[in-house]
């Protein structure tokens, strides 16, 4: 790994036994790459009768691991009682999981329990792709007086075929970073991937996007883990993964901004201006189509025409070397705006109901 190494949080998905926690921590400490030891103490599971964590005794094991290795410790909290127990056992940082972030009542309960205590708090994105809900969780914790605040991107639940356990939807953490550049964002490739073989590619993508660090699950015997076995790796495999990462500078030194880069940027600016002007022209035509449909008493949505657009534009974008995912999202937004424009025309000059 080159450049400045990002902060690395690692440890088992779940604390299972004292021996497992101590050995994992010891082997992780030997790598010299981990700054924060993680382990799940309480596990929010989708269905009952699954392993839901060992509870408070796991905090004792983590405290012992901290004493032996010197690694600070962190775990997930979902209730005020969890917070109280973590503070009692000297937990150095906590994180709020995706299943909790989705519930403002739960986040507020945690925030209230943290008042008067300023420890680092990580807030994972909610399960559903809702940027405002993520921001709301961060705001609630910040308003409780927490100044050491960070976000964790762990992907989003997605209905449909995908190679990921949780689809990354990188545009959402990018939007969060654009709105709140002062908040560090970490990436959790383990929960995005759900499998070991693609961890490196997701971790590298996170580094390429300038994220502040990674949370990667590590277990001494991953295949025998009591939870999320497929996504965990050994401490030694963790070392190999981290060593393969290329970490680039997030800053652009003034001395490399030469005429060529300035020229590239100017071309991008010119093209963007043309695209926006063309989109404006397209929407003005959509408005005229709305007038025509209104006059002829035709419905706005014409499925045959929409299918034709999808088919032809997909071919065009493929020929242009654009990705299928980009094409689908672009066409979807373009269609929504066209529908909105035509609907506005259809509803114009319509007397309101009283």
Protein backbone atom coordinates (compact mmCIF):
# COMPACT_ATOMS: atom_id res chain seq x y z
CA UNK A 1 0.00 0.00 0.00
CA UNK A 2 1.49 3.33 -1.03
CA UNK A 3 0.83 6.92 0.02
CA UNK A 4 -0.75 7.49 3.45
CA UNK A 5 -2.38 4.33 4.74
CA UNK A 6 -6.10 4.64 5.55
CA UNK A 7 -7.45 3.72 8.95
CA UNK A 8 -8.26 0.01 9.09
CA UNK A 9 -10.95 -1.46 11.35
CA UNK A 10 -10.95 -5.25 11.52
CA UNK A 11 -12.05 -8.21 13.58
CA UNK A 12 -14.66 -10.95 13.51
CA UNK A 13 -18.25 -10.42 12.50
CA UNK A 14 -19.18 -11.76 15.95
CA UNK A 15 -17.41 -12.37 19.19
CA UNK A 16 -17.97 -16.10 19.67
CA UNK A 17 -15.61 -17.28 22.42
CA UNK A 18 -12.93 -15.73 24.56
CA UNK A 19 -10.23 -17.74 22.79
CA UNK A 20 -11.48 -16.69 19.35
CA UNK A 21 -11.53 -12.99 20.25
CA UNK A 22 -8.06 -13.04 21.87
CA UNK A 23 -6.41 -15.01 19.06
CA UNK A 24 -8.01 -12.91 16.34
CA UNK A 25 -6.90 -9.71 18.08
CA UNK A 26 -3.37 -11.04 18.60
CA UNK A 27 -2.94 -12.07 14.98
CA UNK A 28 -4.42 -8.79 13.73
CA UNK A 29 -2.09 -6.80 15.98
CA UNK A 30 0.89 -8.68 14.51
CA UNK A 31 -0.02 -7.46 11.02
CA UNK A 32 0.75 -3.90 12.10
CA UNK A 33 -2.02 -2.68 9.82
CA UNK A 34 -5.09 -2.56 12.07
CA UNK A 35 -5.86 0.53 14.17
CA UNK A 36 -9.23 -0.51 15.63
CA UNK A 37 -10.46 -3.96 16.68
CA UNK A 38 -14.11 -4.71 15.90
CA UNK A 39 -16.47 -7.52 16.92
CA UNK A 40 -20.23 -7.83 17.03
CA UNK A 41 -21.61 -8.36 20.54
CA UNK A 42 -25.30 -8.03 19.71
CA UNK A 43 -26.30 -9.25 16.26
CA UNK A 44 -29.57 -8.03 14.70
CA UNK A 45 -30.60 -11.04 12.62
CA UNK A 46 -33.26 -11.22 9.95
CA UNK A 47 -34.97 -14.24 11.45
CA UNK A 48 -35.23 -15.58 15.02
CA UNK A 49 -33.32 -18.63 16.28
CA UNK A 50 -30.13 -17.47 14.55
CA UNK A 51 -27.00 -16.61 16.53
CA UNK A 52 -27.71 -13.16 17.96
CA UNK A 53 -24.45 -12.53 19.78
CA UNK A 54 -22.98 -13.47 23.15
CA UNK A 55 -23.99 -10.26 24.89
CA UNK A 56 -22.15 -8.43 27.66
CA UNK A 57 -19.56 -11.13 28.28
CA UNK A 58 -18.18 -10.41 24.80
CA UNK A 59 -17.31 -6.90 25.95
CA UNK A 60 -15.17 -8.46 28.70
CA UNK A 61 -13.33 -10.52 26.08
CA UNK A 62 -12.76 -7.44 23.94
CA UNK A 63 -11.50 -5.45 26.90
CA UNK A 64 -9.03 -8.26 27.61
CA UNK A 65 -7.94 -8.31 23.96
CA UNK A 66 -7.37 -4.56 24.17
CA UNK A 67 -5.20 -5.01 27.28
CA UNK A 68 -3.12 -7.72 25.59
CA UNK A 69 -2.67 -6.09 22.17
CA UNK A 70 -3.09 -2.37 22.84
CA UNK A 71 -5.69 -2.17 20.05
CA UNK A 72 -8.67 0.14 20.76
CA UNK A 73 -12.01 -1.65 20.49
CA UNK A 74 -15.35 -0.94 18.82
CA UNK A 75 -18.72 -2.65 18.50
CA UNK A 76 -22.23 -2.07 17.21
CA UNK A 77 -24.97 -0.63 19.40
CA UNK A 78 -28.71 -0.61 18.78
CA UNK A 79 -30.15 0.56 22.11
CA UNK A 80 -29.38 2.92 24.96
CA UNK A 81 -28.60 -0.10 27.14
CA UNK A 82 -25.96 -1.24 24.66
CA UNK A 83 -24.36 2.21 24.90
CA UNK A 84 -24.32 2.06 28.70
CA UNK A 85 -22.66 -1.36 28.70
CA UNK A 86 -20.05 -0.26 26.15
CA UNK A 87 -19.13 2.77 28.25
CA UNK A 88 -18.97 0.57 31.36
CA UNK A 89 -16.46 -1.79 29.70
CA UNK A 90 -14.26 0.90 28.18
CA UNK A 91 -15.21 0.52 24.53
CA UNK A 92 -13.28 3.17 22.60
CA UNK A 93 -15.72 3.75 19.72
CA UNK A 94 -19.13 2.52 18.65
CA UNK A 95 -21.01 2.17 15.41
CA UNK A 96 -24.68 2.27 14.57
CA UNK A 97 -25.69 -0.48 12.15
CA UNK A 98 -27.75 -0.23 8.98
CA UNK A 99 -30.79 -1.84 10.57
CA UNK A 100 -30.74 0.80 13.31
CA UNK A 101 -29.97 3.84 11.15
CA UNK A 102 -33.19 3.18 9.27
CA UNK A 103 -35.19 3.94 12.45
CA UNK A 104 -34.96 7.57 13.68
CA UNK A 105 -36.49 6.58 17.04
CA UNK A 106 -33.69 4.10 17.69
CA UNK A 107 -30.99 6.54 16.59
CA UNK A 108 -32.42 9.22 18.86
CA UNK A 109 -32.43 6.79 21.79
CA UNK A 110 -28.74 6.13 21.21
CA UNK A 111 -28.05 9.85 20.81
CA UNK A 112 -29.74 10.59 24.15
CA UNK A 113 -27.63 7.91 25.85
CA UNK A 114 -24.46 9.50 24.44
CA UNK A 115 -25.09 13.01 25.75
CA UNK A 116 -22.16 14.15 27.85
CA UNK A 117 -19.84 11.51 26.39
CA UNK A 118 -17.73 12.43 23.38
CA UNK A 119 -16.40 9.19 21.89
CA UNK A 120 -16.01 8.36 18.19
CA UNK A 121 -19.28 7.22 16.60
CA UNK A 122 -19.61 5.66 13.16
CA UNK A 123 -23.01 5.70 11.46
CA UNK A 124 -23.61 3.09 8.78
CA UNK A 125 -25.89 3.90 5.88
CA UNK A 126 -29.48 2.67 6.25
CA UNK A 127 -30.41 -0.58 4.53
CA UNK A 128 -32.51 1.27 1.95
CA UNK A 129 -30.95 3.76 -0.44
CA UNK A 130 -32.03 6.92 1.38
CA UNK A 131 -29.39 9.65 1.65
CA UNK A 132 -31.56 11.91 3.79
CA UNK A 133 -32.13 9.13 6.32
CA UNK A 134 -28.36 8.61 6.56
CA UNK A 135 -27.81 12.34 7.02
CA UNK A 136 -30.56 12.40 9.65
CA UNK A 137 -28.78 9.70 11.64
CA UNK A 138 -25.52 11.63 11.55
CA UNK A 139 -27.29 14.83 12.58
CA UNK A 140 -28.97 13.21 15.58
CA UNK A 141 -25.65 11.91 16.87
CA UNK A 142 -23.94 15.24 16.23
CA UNK A 143 -26.66 17.13 18.10
CA UNK A 144 -25.98 14.90 21.11
CA UNK A 145 -22.55 16.52 21.37
CA UNK A 146 -20.49 13.93 19.51
CA UNK A 147 -17.66 15.67 17.65
CA UNK A 148 -15.75 12.59 16.46
CA UNK A 149 -18.32 11.55 13.88
CA UNK A 150 -17.87 9.37 10.78
CA UNK A 151 -19.99 7.50 8.25
CA UNK A 152 -19.63 3.93 7.04
CA UNK A 153 -20.74 2.91 3.55
CA UNK A 154 -21.83 -0.74 3.63
CA UNK A 155 -24.04 -0.87 0.56
CA UNK A 156 -27.81 -0.97 0.13
CA UNK A 157 -30.45 -3.66 -0.07
CA UNK A 158 -31.36 -4.23 -3.70
CA UNK A 159 -34.08 -6.30 -5.31
CA UNK A 160 -32.78 -7.84 -8.49
CA UNK A 161 -29.71 -9.69 -9.80
CA UNK A 162 -26.42 -8.40 -8.46
CA UNK A 163 -23.00 -9.86 -7.63
CA UNK A 164 -23.09 -8.05 -4.30
CA UNK A 165 -24.75 -8.86 -1.01
CA UNK A 166 -25.59 -5.15 -0.78
CA UNK A 167 -25.28 -3.01 -3.91
CA UNK A 168 -22.64 -0.28 -3.47
CA UNK A 169 -24.52 2.56 -5.20
CA UNK A 170 -21.35 4.63 -4.94
CA UNK A 171 -23.20 7.77 -5.98
CA UNK A 172 -24.83 7.96 -2.52
CA UNK A 173 -21.64 8.14 -0.41
CA UNK A 174 -20.19 10.48 -3.04
CA UNK A 175 -23.22 12.76 -2.58
CA UNK A 176 -22.77 12.60 1.21
CA UNK A 177 -19.10 13.55 0.86
CA UNK A 178 -19.97 16.45 -1.44
CA UNK A 179 -22.50 17.80 1.07
CA UNK A 180 -20.41 17.20 4.20
CA UNK A 181 -16.71 17.07 3.24
CA UNK A 182 -15.69 17.34 6.89
CA UNK A 183 -17.24 13.94 7.76
CA UNK A 184 -14.86 11.00 7.14
CA UNK A 185 -16.43 8.15 5.18
CA UNK A 186 -15.25 4.58 5.64
CA UNK A 187 -16.15 1.62 3.45
CA UNK A 188 -17.28 -1.81 4.65
CA UNK A 189 -16.43 -4.13 1.72
CA UNK A 190 -17.37 -7.20 3.78
CA UNK A 191 -21.07 -6.30 3.88
CA UNK A 192 -21.10 -4.91 0.35
CA UNK A 193 -19.60 -8.09 -1.08
CA UNK A 194 -20.89 -10.89 1.14
CA UNK A 195 -18.10 -13.03 -0.35
CA UNK A 196 -14.33 -13.06 -0.15
CA UNK A 197 -13.40 -13.18 -3.83
CA UNK A 198 -14.49 -9.63 -4.65
CA UNK A 199 -13.36 -7.87 -1.46
CA UNK A 200 -10.21 -6.49 -3.07
CA UNK A 201 -12.00 -4.86 -6.00
CA UNK A 202 -14.49 -3.09 -3.72
CA UNK A 203 -11.78 -2.02 -1.27
CA UNK A 204 -9.76 -0.60 -4.17
CA UNK A 205 -12.79 1.27 -5.48
CA UNK A 206 -13.25 2.81 -2.02
CA UNK A 207 -9.62 3.92 -2.02
CA UNK A 208 -9.93 5.32 -5.54
CA UNK A 209 -12.86 7.42 -4.31
CA UNK A 210 -10.77 8.83 -1.47
CA UNK A 211 -12.52 7.15 1.45
CA UNK A 212 -10.85 7.53 4.83
CA UNK A 213 -10.55 3.86 5.69
CA UNK A 214 -11.97 0.37 5.59
CA UNK A 215 -13.88 -1.96 7.88
CA UNK A 216 -13.04 -5.55 6.96
CA UNK A 217 -14.16 -8.61 8.86
CA UNK A 218 -11.43 -11.05 9.91
CA UNK A 219 -11.71 -14.40 11.66
CA UNK A 220 -9.15 -17.04 12.63
CA UNK A 221 -11.25 -19.78 10.98
CA UNK A 222 -13.64 -17.96 8.61
CA UNK A 223 -15.40 -21.02 7.27
CA UNK A 224 -16.39 -21.98 10.81
CA UNK A 225 -17.68 -18.52 11.78
CA UNK A 226 -21.04 -18.43 13.53
CA UNK A 227 -22.22 -15.55 11.35
CA UNK A 228 -21.36 -14.23 7.87
CA UNK A 229 -18.74 -16.90 7.23
CA UNK A 230 -18.49 -16.32 3.47
CA UNK A 231 -17.34 -12.71 3.75
CA UNK A 232 -14.64 -13.09 6.42
CA UNK A 233 -10.92 -13.62 5.86
CA UNK A 234 -8.01 -14.58 8.10
CA UNK A 235 -5.68 -11.90 9.51
CA UNK A 236 -3.00 -13.15 7.13
CA UNK A 237 -5.32 -12.84 4.12
CA UNK A 238 -6.19 -9.36 5.35
CA UNK A 239 -2.51 -8.45 5.17
CA UNK A 240 -2.29 -9.70 1.59
CA UNK A 241 -5.36 -7.71 0.60
CA UNK A 242 -4.16 -4.48 2.17
CA UNK A 243 -0.71 -4.85 0.60
CA UNK A 244 -2.31 -5.04 -2.85
CA UNK A 245 -4.23 -1.80 -2.46
CA UNK A 246 -3.05 1.29 -4.26
CA UNK A 247 -3.84 4.36 -2.19
CA UNK A 248 -3.66 7.61 -4.06
CA UNK A 249 -3.52 11.17 -2.81
CA UNK A 250 -6.87 12.92 -2.44
CA UNK A 251 -5.22 16.28 -3.08
CA UNK A 252 -4.14 17.54 -6.47
CA UNK A 253 -0.73 19.25 -6.12
CA UNK A 254 -0.54 22.62 -7.84
CA UNK A 255 2.68 21.68 -9.59
CA UNK A 256 1.01 18.93 -11.66
CA UNK A 257 -1.90 21.06 -12.88
CA UNK A 258 -0.32 21.73 -16.28
CA UNK A 259 -1.72 22.95 -19.58
CA UNK A 260 -2.80 19.46 -20.61
CA UNK A 261 -5.00 18.96 -17.53
CA UNK A 262 -6.44 22.46 -17.93
CA UNK A 263 -7.24 21.64 -21.56
CA UNK A 264 -8.97 18.38 -20.56
CA UNK A 265 -11.08 20.23 -18.00
CA UNK A 266 -12.05 22.90 -20.49
CA UNK A 267 -13.20 20.27 -22.96
CA UNK A 268 -15.31 18.62 -20.25
CA UNK A 269 -16.85 21.99 -19.38
CA UNK A 270 -17.69 22.68 -23.02
CA UNK A 271 -19.26 19.25 -23.52
CA UNK A 272 -21.29 19.55 -20.32
CA UNK A 273 -22.61 22.91 -21.45
CA UNK A 274 -23.67 21.41 -24.79
CA UNK A 275 -25.33 18.44 -23.07
CA UNK A 276 -27.34 20.72 -20.80
CA UNK A 277 -28.41 22.89 -23.72
CA UNK A 278 -29.47 19.78 -25.67
CA UNK A 279 -31.42 18.46 -22.69
CA UNK A 280 -33.20 21.81 -22.50
CA UNK A 281 -34.07 21.51 -26.19
CA UNK A 282 -35.32 17.97 -25.63
CA UNK A 283 -37.63 19.04 -22.80
CA UNK A 284 -39.04 21.87 -24.90
CA UNK A 285 -39.92 19.26 -27.54
CA UNK A 286 -41.44 17.08 -24.78
CA UNK A 287 -43.55 20.10 -23.81
CA UNK A 288 -44.75 20.45 -27.41
CA UNK A 289 -45.56 16.72 -27.46
CA UNK A 290 -47.58 17.24 -24.29
CA UNK A 291 -49.58 19.99 -26.03
CA UNK A 292 -50.18 17.68 -28.99
CA UNK A 293 -51.32 14.78 -26.77
CA UNK A 294 -53.60 17.09 -24.85
CA UNK A 295 -55.18 18.37 -28.06
CA UNK A 296 -55.62 14.85 -29.45
CA UNK A 297 -56.72 13.43 -26.07
CA UNK A 298 -53.87 10.87 -25.99
CA UNK A 299 -52.38 9.43 -22.80
CA UNK A 300 -48.97 10.64 -21.76
CA UNK A 301 -47.44 7.19 -21.33
CA UNK A 302 -47.02 5.33 -24.61
CA UNK A 303 -45.42 1.97 -23.78
CA UNK A 304 -44.52 1.03 -27.36
CA UNK A 305 -42.62 4.27 -27.76
CA UNK A 306 -40.85 3.77 -24.41
CA UNK A 307 -39.78 0.25 -25.41
CA UNK A 308 -38.46 1.62 -28.71
CA UNK A 309 -36.43 4.24 -26.83
CA UNK A 310 -34.95 1.64 -24.51
CA UNK A 311 -33.99 -0.60 -27.40
CA UNK A 312 -32.44 2.01 -29.68
CA UNK A 313 -30.68 4.02 -26.97
CA UNK A 314 -29.18 0.88 -25.48
CA UNK A 315 -27.58 0.10 -28.83
CA UNK A 316 -26.32 3.67 -29.21
CA UNK A 317 -24.79 3.81 -25.75
CA UNK A 318 -23.16 0.40 -26.20
CA UNK A 319 -21.58 1.61 -29.43
CA UNK A 320 -20.38 4.69 -27.55
CA UNK A 321 -18.70 2.51 -24.92
CA UNK A 322 -21.03 3.50 -22.08
CA UNK A 323 -22.01 1.03 -19.37
CA UNK A 324 -25.42 -0.63 -19.25
CA UNK A 325 -25.96 0.58 -15.68
CA UNK A 326 -25.30 4.20 -16.67
CA UNK A 327 -27.60 3.91 -19.69
CA UNK A 328 -30.48 2.53 -17.65
CA UNK A 329 -30.18 5.25 -15.01
CA UNK A 330 -29.83 8.01 -17.61
CA UNK A 331 -32.86 6.88 -19.60
CA UNK A 332 -34.93 6.41 -16.45
CA UNK A 333 -34.26 9.98 -15.29
CA UNK A 334 -34.78 11.37 -18.78
CA UNK A 335 -38.12 9.57 -19.07
CA UNK A 336 -39.25 10.78 -15.64
CA UNK A 337 -38.48 14.38 -16.57
CA UNK A 338 -40.29 14.02 -19.91
CA UNK A 339 -43.35 12.58 -18.15
CA UNK A 340 -43.23 15.40 -15.59
CA UNK A 341 -43.03 18.01 -18.36
CA UNK A 342 -45.93 16.52 -20.32
CA UNK A 343 -48.02 16.11 -17.16
CA UNK A 344 -47.52 19.78 -16.39
CA UNK A 345 -48.78 20.67 -19.86
CA UNK A 346 -51.77 18.33 -19.53
CA UNK A 347 -52.76 19.93 -16.24
CA UNK A 348 -52.31 23.52 -17.38
CA UNK A 349 -55.42 25.72 -17.58
CA UNK A 350 -57.38 23.13 -15.62
CA UNK A 351 -59.65 24.70 -13.07
CA UNK A 352 -58.97 23.56 -9.52
CA UNK A 353 -61.59 21.70 -7.52
CA UNK A 354 -63.25 23.63 -4.76
